PDB file of N, CA and C in Angstrom:
ATOM      1  N   MET A   1     -42.183 -28.859   1.368  1.00  0.00           N
ATOM      2  CA  MET A   1     -41.020 -28.061   1.680  1.00  0.00           C
ATOM      3  C   MET A   1     -40.607 -27.225   0.482  1.00  0.00           C
ATOM      4  N   ALA A   2     -40.723 -27.779  -0.729  1.00  0.00           N
ATOM      5  CA  ALA A   2     -40.283 -27.073  -1.922  1.00  0.00           C
ATOM      6  C   ALA A   2     -41.147 -25.841  -2.191  1.00  0.00           C
ATOM      7  N   ASP A   3     -42.420 -25.866  -1.818  1.00  0.00           N
ATOM      8  CA  ASP A   3     -43.269 -24.721  -2.099  1.00  0.00           C
ATOM      9  C   ASP A   3     -43.008 -23.569  -1.135  1.00  0.00           C
ATOM     10  N   ARG A   4     -42.261 -23.804  -0.044  1.00  0.00           N
ATOM     11  CA  ARG A   4     -41.931 -22.731   0.892  1.00  0.00           C
ATOM     12  C   ARG A   4     -40.560 -22.108   0.601  1.00  0.00           C
ATOM     13  N   ALA A   5     -39.792 -22.676  -0.298  1.00  0.00           N
ATOM     14  CA  ALA A   5     -38.449 -22.179  -0.594  1.00  0.00           C
ATOM     15  C   ALA A   5     -38.534 -20.927  -1.454  1.00  0.00           C
ATOM     16  N   LEU A   6     -37.557 -20.069  -1.274  1.00  0.00           N
ATOM     17  CA  LEU A   6     -37.465 -18.869  -2.110  1.00  0.00           C
ATOM     18  C   LEU A   6     -36.921 -19.277  -3.471  1.00  0.00           C
ATOM     19  N   ARG A   7     -37.602 -18.904  -4.486  1.00  0.00           N
ATOM     20  CA  ARG A   7     -37.168 -19.281  -5.816  1.00  0.00           C
ATOM     21  C   ARG A   7     -36.751 -18.041  -6.599  1.00  0.00           C
ATOM     22  N   GLY A   8     -35.678 -18.190  -7.364  1.00  0.00           N
ATOM     23  CA  GLY A   8     -35.262 -17.125  -8.252  1.00  0.00           C
ATOM     24  C   GLY A   8     -34.497 -16.005  -7.581  1.00  0.00           C
ATOM     25  N   MET A   9     -34.253 -16.089  -6.309  1.00  0.00           N
ATOM     26  CA  MET A   9     -33.521 -15.042  -5.588  1.00  0.00           C
ATOM     27  C   MET A   9     -32.461 -15.698  -4.714  1.00  0.00           C
ATOM     28  N   ARG A  10     -31.341 -15.024  -4.621  1.00  0.00           N
ATOM     29  CA  ARG A  10     -30.325 -15.457  -3.661  1.00  0.00           C
ATOM     30  C   ARG A  10     -30.546 -14.703  -2.370  1.00  0.00           C
ATOM     31  N   LEU A  11     -30.131 -15.281  -1.294  1.00  0.00           N
ATOM     32  CA  LEU A  11     -30.226 -14.585  -0.022  1.00  0.00           C
ATOM     33  C   LEU A  11     -29.173 -13.495   0.016  1.00  0.00           C
ATOM     34  N   GLY A  12     -29.455 -12.428   0.680  1.00  0.00           N
ATOM     35  CA  GLY A  12     -28.518 -11.313   0.756  1.00  0.00           C
ATOM     36  C   GLY A  12     -29.105 -10.097   0.083  1.00  0.00           C
ATOM     37  N   THR A  13     -28.295  -9.124  -0.176  1.00  0.00           N
ATOM     38  CA  THR A  13     -28.786  -7.893  -0.785  1.00  0.00           C
ATOM     39  C   THR A  13     -28.622  -7.974  -2.288  1.00  0.00           C
ATOM     40  N   GLN A  14     -29.720  -7.978  -2.966  1.00  0.00           N
ATOM     41  CA  GLN A  14     -29.711  -7.999  -4.414  1.00  0.00           C
ATOM     42  C   GLN A  14     -30.847  -7.107  -4.877  1.00  0.00           C
ATOM     43  N   SER A  15     -30.512  -6.131  -5.686  1.00  0.00           N
ATOM     44  CA  SER A  15     -31.504  -5.176  -6.144  1.00  0.00           C
ATOM     45  C   SER A  15     -32.289  -5.741  -7.312  1.00  0.00           C
ATOM     46  N   MET A  16     -33.555  -5.398  -7.355  1.00  0.00           N
ATOM     47  CA  MET A  16     -34.400  -5.813  -8.468  1.00  0.00           C
ATOM     48  C   MET A  16     -34.450  -4.730  -9.540  1.00  0.00           C
ATOM     49  N   GLU A  17     -33.725  -3.611  -9.320  1.00  0.00           N
ATOM     50  CA  GLU A  17     -33.700  -2.535 -10.300  1.00  0.00           C
ATOM     51  C   GLU A  17     -32.820  -2.905 -11.470  1.00  0.00           C
ATOM     52  N   THR A  18     -33.214  -2.462 -12.642  1.00  0.00           N
ATOM     53  CA  THR A  18     -32.395  -2.675 -13.823  1.00  0.00           C
ATOM     54  C   THR A  18     -31.647  -1.386 -14.149  1.00  0.00           C
ATOM     55  N   THR A  19     -30.601  -1.515 -14.934  1.00  0.00           N
ATOM     56  CA  THR A  19     -29.827  -0.340 -15.329  1.00  0.00           C
ATOM     57  C   THR A  19     -30.291   0.230 -16.658  1.00  0.00           C
ATOM     58  N   ILE A  20     -31.398  -0.244 -17.145  1.00  0.00           N
ATOM     59  CA  ILE A  20     -31.937   0.253 -18.411  1.00  0.00           C
ATOM     60  C   ILE A  20     -32.419   1.688 -18.200  1.00  0.00           C
ATOM     61  N   GLY A  21     -31.943   2.589 -19.049  1.00  0.00           N
ATOM     62  CA  GLY A  21     -32.358   3.985 -18.963  1.00  0.00           C
ATOM     63  C   GLY A  21     -31.553   4.796 -17.965  1.00  0.00           C
ATOM     64  N   ALA A  22     -30.636   4.176 -17.252  1.00  0.00           N
ATOM     65  CA  ALA A  22     -29.820   4.914 -16.281  1.00  0.00           C
ATOM     66  C   ALA A  22     -28.702   5.636 -17.018  1.00  0.00           C
ATOM     67  N   GLU A  23     -28.449   6.866 -16.626  1.00  0.00           N
ATOM     68  CA  GLU A  23     -27.376   7.642 -17.240  1.00  0.00           C
ATOM     69  C   GLU A  23     -26.138   7.561 -16.363  1.00  0.00           C
ATOM     70  N   LEU A  24     -25.036   7.162 -16.954  1.00  0.00           N
ATOM     71  CA  LEU A  24     -23.782   7.104 -16.213  1.00  0.00           C
ATOM     72  C   LEU A  24     -23.184   8.506 -16.115  1.00  0.00           C
ATOM     73  N   ALA A  25     -22.406   8.731 -15.082  1.00  0.00           N
ATOM     74  CA  ALA A  25     -21.747  10.021 -14.918  1.00  0.00           C
ATOM     75  C   ALA A  25     -20.727  10.199 -16.038  1.00  0.00           C
ATOM     76  N   ALA A  26     -20.510  11.449 -16.421  1.00  0.00           N
ATOM     77  CA  ALA A  26     -19.532  11.738 -17.469  1.00  0.00           C
ATOM     78  C   ALA A  26     -18.141  11.371 -16.960  1.00  0.00           C
ATOM     79  N   ARG A  27     -17.382  10.716 -17.807  1.00  0.00           N
ATOM     80  CA  ARG A  27     -16.060  10.228 -17.400  1.00  0.00           C
ATOM     81  C   ARG A  27     -15.005  10.677 -18.379  1.00  0.00           C
ATOM     82  N   GLU A  28     -13.766  10.649 -17.888  1.00  0.00           N
ATOM     83  CA  GLU A  28     -12.610  10.881 -18.750  1.00  0.00           C
ATOM     84  C   GLU A  28     -11.555   9.840 -18.400  1.00  0.00           C
ATOM     85  N   ASP A  29     -10.835   9.384 -19.408  1.00  0.00           N
ATOM     86  CA  ASP A  29      -9.765   8.414 -19.194  1.00  0.00           C
ATOM     87  C   ASP A  29      -8.463   9.163 -18.978  1.00  0.00           C
ATOM     88  N   VAL A  30      -7.778   8.839 -17.886  1.00  0.00           N
ATOM     89  CA  VAL A  30      -6.505   9.469 -17.549  1.00  0.00           C
ATOM     90  C   VAL A  30      -5.430   8.395 -17.634  1.00  0.00           C
ATOM     91  N   THR A  31      -4.343   8.699 -18.334  1.00  0.00           N
ATOM     92  CA  THR A  31      -3.267   7.733 -18.524  1.00  0.00           C
ATOM     93  C   THR A  31      -2.080   8.109 -17.652  1.00  0.00           C
ATOM     94  N   TYR A  32      -1.541   7.106 -16.987  1.00  0.00           N
ATOM     95  CA  TYR A  32      -0.356   7.260 -16.150  1.00  0.00           C
ATOM     96  C   TYR A  32       0.781   6.460 -16.766  1.00  0.00           C
ATOM     97  N   ASP A  33       1.981   7.021 -16.749  1.00  0.00           N
ATOM     98  CA  ASP A  33       3.161   6.362 -17.301  1.00  0.00           C
ATOM     99  C   ASP A  33       4.094   5.939 -16.174  1.00  0.00           C
ATOM    100  N   CYS A  34       4.409   4.658 -16.165  1.00  0.00           N
ATOM    101  CA  CYS A  34       5.312   4.076 -15.168  1.00  0.00           C
ATOM    102  C   CYS A  34       6.748   4.209 -15.673  1.00  0.00           C
ATOM    103  N   PRO A  35       7.733   4.409 -14.788  1.00  0.00           N
ATOM    104  CA  PRO A  35       9.115   4.471 -15.240  1.00  0.00           C
ATOM    105  C   PRO A  35       9.613   3.152 -15.822  1.00  0.00           C
ATOM    106  N   ASN A  36       8.903   2.049 -15.567  1.00  0.00           N
ATOM    107  CA  ASN A  36       9.289   0.747 -16.113  1.00  0.00           C
ATOM    108  C   ASN A  36       8.636   0.459 -17.459  1.00  0.00           C
ATOM    109  N   GLY A  37       7.971   1.464 -18.046  1.00  0.00           N
ATOM    110  CA  GLY A  37       7.399   1.298 -19.370  1.00  0.00           C
ATOM    111  C   GLY A  37       5.935   0.906 -19.408  1.00  0.00           C
ATOM    112  N   HIS A  38       5.275   0.780 -18.278  1.00  0.00           N
ATOM    113  CA  HIS A  38       3.861   0.417 -18.254  1.00  0.00           C
ATOM    114  C   HIS A  38       3.008   1.667 -18.430  1.00  0.00           C
ATOM    115  N   ALA A  39       1.874   1.526 -19.072  1.00  0.00           N
ATOM    116  CA  ALA A  39       0.887   2.601 -19.200  1.00  0.00           C
ATOM    117  C   ALA A  39      -0.395   2.143 -18.529  1.00  0.00           C
ATOM    118  N   ILE A  40      -0.926   2.963 -17.643  1.00  0.00           N
ATOM    119  CA  ILE A  40      -2.120   2.620 -16.888  1.00  0.00           C
ATOM    120  C   ILE A  40      -3.193   3.641 -17.253  1.00  0.00           C
ATOM    121  N   THR A  41      -4.353   3.190 -17.688  1.00  0.00           N
ATOM    122  CA  THR A  41      -5.456   4.084 -18.011  1.00  0.00           C
ATOM    123  C   THR A  41      -6.580   3.835 -17.019  1.00  0.00           C
ATOM    124  N   MET A  42      -6.967   4.903 -16.325  1.00  0.00           N
ATOM    125  CA  MET A  42      -8.008   4.807 -15.304  1.00  0.00           C
ATOM    126  C   MET A  42      -9.139   5.759 -15.652  1.00  0.00           C
ATOM    127  N   PRO A  43     -10.401   5.314 -15.522  1.00  0.00           N
ATOM    128  CA  PRO A  43     -11.531   6.223 -15.762  1.00  0.00           C
ATOM    129  C   PRO A  43     -11.833   7.030 -14.493  1.00  0.00           C
ATOM    130  N   PHE A  44     -11.992   8.331 -14.653  1.00  0.00           N
ATOM    131  CA  PHE A  44     -12.351   9.218 -13.546  1.00  0.00           C
ATOM    132  C   PHE A  44     -13.569  10.036 -13.946  1.00  0.00           C
ATOM    133  N   SER A  45     -14.330  10.437 -12.965  1.00  0.00           N
ATOM    134  CA  SER A  45     -15.444  11.328 -13.203  1.00  0.00           C
ATOM    135  C   SER A  45     -14.900  12.686 -13.646  1.00  0.00           C
ATOM    136  N   ILE A  46     -15.669  13.392 -14.460  1.00  0.00           N
ATOM    137  CA  ILE A  46     -15.265  14.720 -14.908  1.00  0.00           C
ATOM    138  C   ILE A  46     -15.086  15.651 -13.708  1.00  0.00           C
ATOM    139  N   GLU A  47     -15.894  15.449 -12.662  1.00  0.00           N
ATOM    140  CA  GLU A  47     -15.869  16.319 -11.494  1.00  0.00           C
ATOM    141  C   GLU A  47     -14.787  15.944 -10.486  1.00  0.00           C
ATOM    142  N   ALA A  48     -14.125  14.816 -10.670  1.00  0.00           N
ATOM    143  CA  ALA A  48     -13.157  14.331  -9.686  1.00  0.00           C
ATOM    144  C   ALA A  48     -11.831  15.073  -9.798  1.00  0.00           C
ATOM    145  N   ASP A  49     -11.139  15.175  -8.675  1.00  0.00           N
ATOM    146  CA  ASP A  49      -9.772  15.700  -8.677  1.00  0.00           C
ATOM    147  C   ASP A  49      -8.857  14.578  -9.130  1.00  0.00           C
ATOM    148  N   ILE A  50      -8.101  14.807 -10.185  1.00  0.00           N
ATOM    149  CA  ILE A  50      -7.231  13.779 -10.746  1.00  0.00           C
ATOM    150  C   ILE A  50      -5.930  13.747  -9.965  1.00  0.00           C
ATOM    151  N   PRO A  51      -5.562  12.597  -9.370  1.00  0.00           N
ATOM    152  CA  PRO A  51      -4.289  12.518  -8.654  1.00  0.00           C
ATOM    153  C   PRO A  51      -3.116  12.562  -9.626  1.00  0.00           C
ATOM    154  N   GLY A  52      -2.021  13.160  -9.199  1.00  0.00           N
ATOM    155  CA  GLY A  52      -0.845  13.287 -10.052  1.00  0.00           C
ATOM    156  C   GLY A  52      -0.031  12.017 -10.150  1.00  0.00           C
ATOM    157  N   VAL A  53      -0.196  11.118  -9.191  1.00  0.00           N
ATOM    158  CA  VAL A  53       0.557   9.859  -9.203  1.00  0.00           C
ATOM    159  C   VAL A  53      -0.416   8.700  -8.990  1.00  0.00           C
ATOM    160  N   TRP A  54      -0.016   7.520  -9.460  1.00  0.00           N
ATOM    161  CA  TRP A  54      -0.818   6.299  -9.296  1.00  0.00           C
ATOM    162  C   TRP A  54       0.162   5.156  -9.082  1.00  0.00           C
ATOM    163  N   ASP A  55      -0.171   4.221  -8.214  1.00  0.00           N
ATOM    164  CA  ASP A  55       0.697   3.074  -7.966  1.00  0.00           C
ATOM    165  C   ASP A  55       0.528   2.065  -9.088  1.00  0.00           C
ATOM    166  N   CYS A  56       1.627   1.739  -9.745  1.00  0.00           N
ATOM    167  CA  CYS A  56       1.613   0.769 -10.832  1.00  0.00           C
ATOM    168  C   CYS A  56       1.565  -0.644 -10.236  1.00  0.00           C
ATOM    169  N   HIS A  57       1.150  -1.621 -11.039  1.00  0.00           N
ATOM    170  CA  HIS A  57       1.082  -3.005 -10.573  1.00  0.00           C
ATOM    171  C   HIS A  57       2.470  -3.586 -10.302  1.00  0.00           C
ATOM    172  N   CYS A  58       3.527  -2.939 -10.834  1.00  0.00           N
ATOM    173  CA  CYS A  58       4.884  -3.443 -10.596  1.00  0.00           C
ATOM    174  C   CYS A  58       5.473  -2.869  -9.313  1.00  0.00           C
ATOM    175  N   GLY A  59       4.769  -1.929  -8.674  1.00  0.00           N
ATOM    176  CA  GLY A  59       5.246  -1.361  -7.426  1.00  0.00           C
ATOM    177  C   GLY A  59       5.857   0.018  -7.578  1.00  0.00           C
ATOM    178  N   ALA A  60       6.087   0.460  -8.802  1.00  0.00           N
ATOM    179  CA  ALA A  60       6.652   1.791  -9.029  1.00  0.00           C
ATOM    180  C   ALA A  60       5.546   2.836  -8.994  1.00  0.00           C
ATOM    181  N   VAL A  61       5.942   4.093  -8.935  1.00  0.00           N
ATOM    182  CA  VAL A  61       4.986   5.192  -8.925  1.00  0.00           C
ATOM    183  C   VAL A  61       4.867   5.736 -10.343  1.00  0.00           C
ATOM    184  N   ALA A  62       3.659   5.698 -10.893  1.00  0.00           N
ATOM    185  CA  ALA A  62       3.414   6.186 -12.248  1.00  0.00           C
ATOM    186  C   ALA A  62       2.929   7.633 -12.176  1.00  0.00           C
ATOM    187  N   LEU A  63       3.390   8.457 -13.131  1.00  0.00           N
ATOM    188  CA  LEU A  63       3.012   9.864 -13.190  1.00  0.00           C
ATOM    189  C   LEU A  63       1.963  10.074 -14.271  1.00  0.00           C
ATOM    190  N   VAL A  64       1.091  11.047 -14.037  1.00  0.00           N
ATOM    191  CA  VAL A  64       0.051  11.352 -15.011  1.00  0.00           C
ATOM    192  C   VAL A  64       0.701  11.840 -16.302  1.00  0.00           C
ATOM    193  N   ARG A  65       0.167  11.405 -17.436  1.00  0.00           N
ATOM    194  CA  ARG A  65       0.794  11.680 -18.727  1.00  0.00           C
ATOM    195  C   ARG A  65       0.681  13.153 -19.105  1.00  0.00           C
ATOM    196  N   HIS A  66      -0.509  13.707 -19.081  1.00  0.00           N
ATOM    197  CA  HIS A  66      -0.714  15.096 -19.493  1.00  0.00           C
ATOM    198  C   HIS A  66      -1.142  15.893 -18.272  1.00  0.00           C
ATOM    199  N   GLY A  67      -0.198  16.497 -17.623  1.00  0.00           N
ATOM    200  CA  GLY A  67      -0.527  17.278 -16.442  1.00  0.00           C
ATOM    201  C   GLY A  67       0.727  17.755 -15.752  1.00  0.00           C
ATOM    202  N   ASP A  68       0.528  18.420 -14.643  1.00  0.00           N
ATOM    203  CA  ASP A  68       1.650  18.937 -13.878  1.00  0.00           C
ATOM    204  C   ASP A  68       2.331  17.810 -13.120  1.00  0.00           C
ATOM    205  N   THR A  69       3.645  17.859 -13.093  1.00  0.00           N
ATOM    206  CA  THR A  69       4.401  16.882 -12.316  1.00  0.00           C
ATOM    207  C   THR A  69       4.268  17.240 -10.844  1.00  0.00           C
ATOM    208  N   PRO A  70       3.820  16.316 -10.020  1.00  0.00           N
ATOM    209  CA  PRO A  70       3.622  16.639  -8.601  1.00  0.00           C
ATOM    210  C   PRO A  70       4.951  16.846  -7.890  1.00  0.00           C
ATOM    211  N   GLU A  71       4.886  17.649  -6.842  1.00  0.00           N
ATOM    212  CA  GLU A  71       6.076  17.882  -6.021  1.00  0.00           C
ATOM    213  C   GLU A  71       6.155  16.784  -4.970  1.00  0.00           C
ATOM    214  N   PHE A  72       7.302  16.124  -4.915  1.00  0.00           N
ATOM    215  CA  PHE A  72       7.487  15.082  -3.919  1.00  0.00           C
ATOM    216  C   PHE A  72       8.089  15.696  -2.665  1.00  0.00           C
ATOM    217  N   LYS A  73       7.482  15.409  -1.535  1.00  0.00           N
ATOM    218  CA  LYS A  73       7.981  15.921  -0.262  1.00  0.00           C
ATOM    219  C   LYS A  73       9.133  15.042   0.204  1.00  0.00           C
ATOM    220  N   ALA A  74      10.103  15.669   0.831  1.00  0.00           N
ATOM    221  CA  ALA A  74      11.218  14.906   1.389  1.00  0.00           C
ATOM    222  C   ALA A  74      10.700  14.075   2.561  1.00  0.00           C
ATOM    223  N   GLN A  75      10.950  12.777   2.496  1.00  0.00           N
ATOM    224  CA  GLN A  75      10.453  11.901   3.549  1.00  0.00           C
ATOM    225  C   GLN A  75      11.460  11.818   4.684  1.00  0.00           C
ATOM    226  N   ARG A  76      10.919  11.742   5.876  1.00  0.00           N
ATOM    227  CA  ARG A  76      11.777  11.602   7.047  1.00  0.00           C
ATOM    228  C   ARG A  76      12.402  10.224   7.073  1.00  0.00           C
ATOM    229  N   HIS A  77      13.606  10.168   7.594  1.00  0.00           N
ATOM    230  CA  HIS A  77      14.261   8.884   7.788  1.00  0.00           C
ATOM    231  C   HIS A  77      13.579   8.169   8.946  1.00  0.00           C
ATOM    232  N   VAL A  78      13.163   6.951   8.740  1.00  0.00           N
ATOM    233  CA  VAL A  78      12.499   6.176   9.779  1.00  0.00           C
ATOM    234  C   VAL A  78      13.575   5.581  10.678  1.00  0.00           C
ATOM    235  N   ARG A  79      13.478   5.905  11.946  1.00  0.00           N
ATOM    236  CA  ARG A  79      14.477   5.405  12.890  1.00  0.00           C
ATOM    237  C   ARG A  79      14.158   3.961  13.247  1.00  0.00           C
ATOM    238  N   THR A  80      15.142   3.106  13.073  1.00  0.00           N
ATOM    239  CA  THR A  80      14.993   1.701  13.418  1.00  0.00           C
ATOM    240  C   THR A  80      15.504   1.470  14.838  1.00  0.00           C
ATOM    241  N   HIS A  81      15.348   0.246  15.329  1.00  0.00           N
ATOM    242  CA  HIS A  81      15.860  -0.099  16.657  1.00  0.00           C
ATOM    243  C   HIS A  81      17.380   0.051  16.681  1.00  0.00           C
ATOM    244  N   TRP A  82      18.014  -0.324  15.582  1.00  0.00           N
ATOM    245  CA  TRP A  82      19.472  -0.223  15.508  1.00  0.00           C
ATOM    246  C   TRP A  82      19.916   1.237  15.591  1.00  0.00           C
ATOM    247  N   ASP A  83      19.184   2.135  14.927  1.00  0.00           N
ATOM    248  CA  ASP A  83      19.525   3.564  14.985  1.00  0.00           C
ATOM    249  C   ASP A  83      19.421   4.091  16.413  1.00  0.00           C
ATOM    250  N   MET A  84      18.367   3.709  17.115  1.00  0.00           N
ATOM    251  CA  MET A  84      18.188   4.186  18.484  1.00  0.00           C
ATOM    252  C   MET A  84      19.246   3.593  19.416  1.00  0.00           C
ATOM    253  N   LEU A  85      19.628   2.341  19.177  1.00  0.00           N
ATOM    254  CA  LEU A  85      20.666   1.715  19.981  1.00  0.00           C
ATOM    255  C   LEU A  85      22.001   2.411  19.757  1.00  0.00           C
ATOM    256  N   ARG A  86      22.274   2.744  18.500  1.00  0.00           N
ATOM    257  CA  ARG A  86      23.538   3.405  18.162  1.00  0.00           C
ATOM    258  C   ARG A  86      23.614   4.820  18.740  1.00  0.00           C
ATOM    259  N   GLU A  87      22.464   5.425  19.039  1.00  0.00           N
ATOM    260  CA  GLU A  87      22.470   6.730  19.688  1.00  0.00           C
ATOM    261  C   GLU A  87      22.927   6.617  21.135  1.00  0.00           C
ATOM    262  N   ARG A  88      22.688   5.466  21.754  1.00  0.00           N
ATOM    263  CA  ARG A  88      23.040   5.276  23.165  1.00  0.00           C
ATOM    264  C   ARG A  88      24.386   4.607  23.371  1.00  0.00           C
ATOM    265  N   ARG A  89      24.814   3.757  22.439  1.00  0.00           N
ATOM    266  CA  ARG A  89      26.051   2.983  22.622  1.00  0.00           C
ATOM    267  C   ARG A  89      26.923   3.069  21.386  1.00  0.00           C
ATOM    268  N   SER A  90      28.226   2.939  21.613  1.00  0.00           N
ATOM    269  CA  SER A  90      29.169   2.895  20.491  1.00  0.00           C
ATOM    270  C   SER A  90      29.401   1.427  20.107  1.00  0.00           C
ATOM    271  N   ILE A  91      30.043   1.208  18.957  1.00  0.00           N
ATOM    272  CA  ILE A  91      30.326  -0.157  18.492  1.00  0.00           C
ATOM    273  C   ILE A  91      31.228  -0.910  19.487  1.00  0.00           C
ATOM    274  N   PRO A  92      32.304  -0.305  20.020  1.00  0.00           N
ATOM    275  CA  PRO A  92      33.116  -1.040  21.011  1.00  0.00           C
ATOM    276  C   PRO A  92      32.322  -1.436  22.258  1.00  0.00           C
ATOM    277  N   GLU A  93      31.408  -0.559  22.717  1.00  0.00           N
ATOM    278  CA  GLU A  93      30.583  -0.900  23.875  1.00  0.00           C
ATOM    279  C   GLU A  93      29.649  -2.074  23.554  1.00  0.00           C
ATOM    280  N   LEU A  94      29.094  -2.071  22.364  1.00  0.00           N
ATOM    281  CA  LEU A  94      28.199  -3.161  21.963  1.00  0.00           C
ATOM    282  C   LEU A  94      28.958  -4.480  21.827  1.00  0.00           C
ATOM    283  N   GLU A  95      30.177  -4.434  21.298  1.00  0.00           N
ATOM    284  CA  GLU A  95      30.982  -5.656  21.187  1.00  0.00           C
ATOM    285  C   GLU A  95      31.328  -6.202  22.565  1.00  0.00           C
ATOM    286  N   GLU A  96      31.625  -5.312  23.510  1.00  0.00           N
ATOM    287  CA  GLU A  96      31.932  -5.743  24.880  1.00  0.00           C
ATOM    288  C   GLU A  96      30.712  -6.400  25.529  1.00  0.00           C
ATOM    289  N   LEU A  97      29.534  -5.797  25.378  1.00  0.00           N
ATOM    290  CA  LEU A  97      28.311  -6.384  25.928  1.00  0.00           C
ATOM    291  C   LEU A  97      28.007  -7.741  25.292  1.00  0.00           C
ATOM    292  N   LEU A  98      28.234  -7.846  23.999  1.00  0.00           N
ATOM    293  CA  LEU A  98      28.006  -9.110  23.305  1.00  0.00           C
ATOM    294  C   LEU A  98      28.916 -10.199  23.849  1.00  0.00           C
ATOM    295  N   GLU A  99      30.194  -9.891  24.057  1.00  0.00           N
ATOM    296  CA  GLU A  99      31.134 -10.880  24.597  1.00  0.00           C
ATOM    297  C   GLU A  99      30.722 -11.328  25.989  1.00  0.00           C
ATOM    298  N   GLU A 100      30.281 -10.383  26.834  1.00  0.00           N
ATOM    299  CA  GLU A 100      29.838 -10.735  28.190  1.00  0.00           C
ATOM    300  C   GLU A 100      28.648 -11.699  28.134  1.00  0.00           C
ATOM    301  N   ARG A 101      27.680 -11.409  27.262  1.00  0.00           N
ATOM    302  CA  ARG A 101      26.505 -12.264  27.165  1.00  0.00           C
ATOM    303  C   ARG A 101      26.841 -13.634  26.577  1.00  0.00           C
ATOM    304  N   LEU A 102      27.789 -13.683  25.621  1.00  0.00           N
ATOM    305  CA  LEU A 102      28.180 -14.959  25.060  1.00  0.00           C
ATOM    306  C   LEU A 102      28.897 -15.826  26.091  1.00  0.00           C
ATOM    307  N   VAL A 103      29.706 -15.215  26.944  1.00  0.00           N
ATOM    308  CA  VAL A 103      30.381 -15.960  27.997  1.00  0.00           C
ATOM    309  C   VAL A 103      29.345 -16.567  28.950  1.00  0.00           C
ATOM    310  N   LEU A 104      28.344 -15.758  29.340  1.00  0.00           N
ATOM    311  CA  LEU A 104      27.297 -16.265  30.220  1.00  0.00           C
ATOM    312  C   LEU A 104      26.490 -17.387  29.557  1.00  0.00           C
ATOM    313  N   LEU A 105      26.205 -17.237  28.278  1.00  0.00           N
ATOM    314  CA  LEU A 105      25.442 -18.241  27.558  1.00  0.00           C
ATOM    315  C   LEU A 105      26.204 -19.548  27.445  1.00  0.00           C
ATOM    316  N   ARG A 106      27.502 -19.467  27.146  1.00  0.00           N
ATOM    317  CA  ARG A 106      28.319 -20.672  27.015  1.00  0.00           C
ATOM    318  C   ARG A 106      28.525 -21.355  28.358  1.00  0.00           C
ATOM    319  N   ALA A 107      28.515 -20.579  29.438  1.00  0.00           N
ATOM    320  CA  ALA A 107      28.669 -21.149  30.764  1.00  0.00           C
ATOM    321  C   ALA A 107      27.371 -21.778  31.289  1.00  0.00           C
ATOM    322  N   GLY A 108      26.285 -21.544  30.578  1.00  0.00           N
ATOM    323  CA  GLY A 108      25.021 -22.140  30.982  1.00  0.00           C
ATOM    324  C   GLY A 108      24.282 -21.337  32.010  1.00  0.00           C
ATOM    325  N   ARG A 109      24.678 -20.098  32.263  1.00  0.00           N
ATOM    326  CA  ARG A 109      24.026 -19.275  33.264  1.00  0.00           C
ATOM    327  C   ARG A 109      22.802 -18.558  32.706  1.00  0.00           C
ATOM    328  N   VAL A 110      22.720 -18.458  31.384  1.00  0.00           N
ATOM    329  CA  VAL A 110      21.573 -17.796  30.753  1.00  0.00           C
ATOM    330  C   VAL A 110      20.859 -18.833  29.903  1.00  0.00           C
ATOM    331  N   GLY A 111      19.533 -18.912  30.045  1.00  0.00           N
ATOM    332  CA  GLY A 111      18.743 -19.868  29.271  1.00  0.00           C
ATOM    333  C   GLY A 111      18.766 -19.526  27.789  1.00  0.00           C
ATOM    334  N   ALA A 112      18.766 -20.533  26.968  1.00  0.00           N
ATOM    335  CA  ALA A 112      18.800 -20.306  25.514  1.00  0.00           C
ATOM    336  C   ALA A 112      17.453 -19.909  25.001  1.00  0.00           C
TER     337      ALA A 112
END
């Protein structure tokens, strides 16, 4: 059984090519500054379009150090369920509906 086993190789995709003599693409290091004081350095190809912003590990948006400040587009307000409900009903109407449902619930007419 041992003479039929694959030796020296793992199953799956593994290249037998070496990286000796391979030329890497030309790169440049781009630094981004976070408003919380973090500096992020990312390697990019010389031919790549450098993004103006990068997400920092703290969750803030970091801006490229040497470059144009990107224009931020005004984001639309995301309508929640509460916003849509408030478009159809006023607060007094909602309080009245709530009282009606609580009366039914306390009377045992509506399942919990």
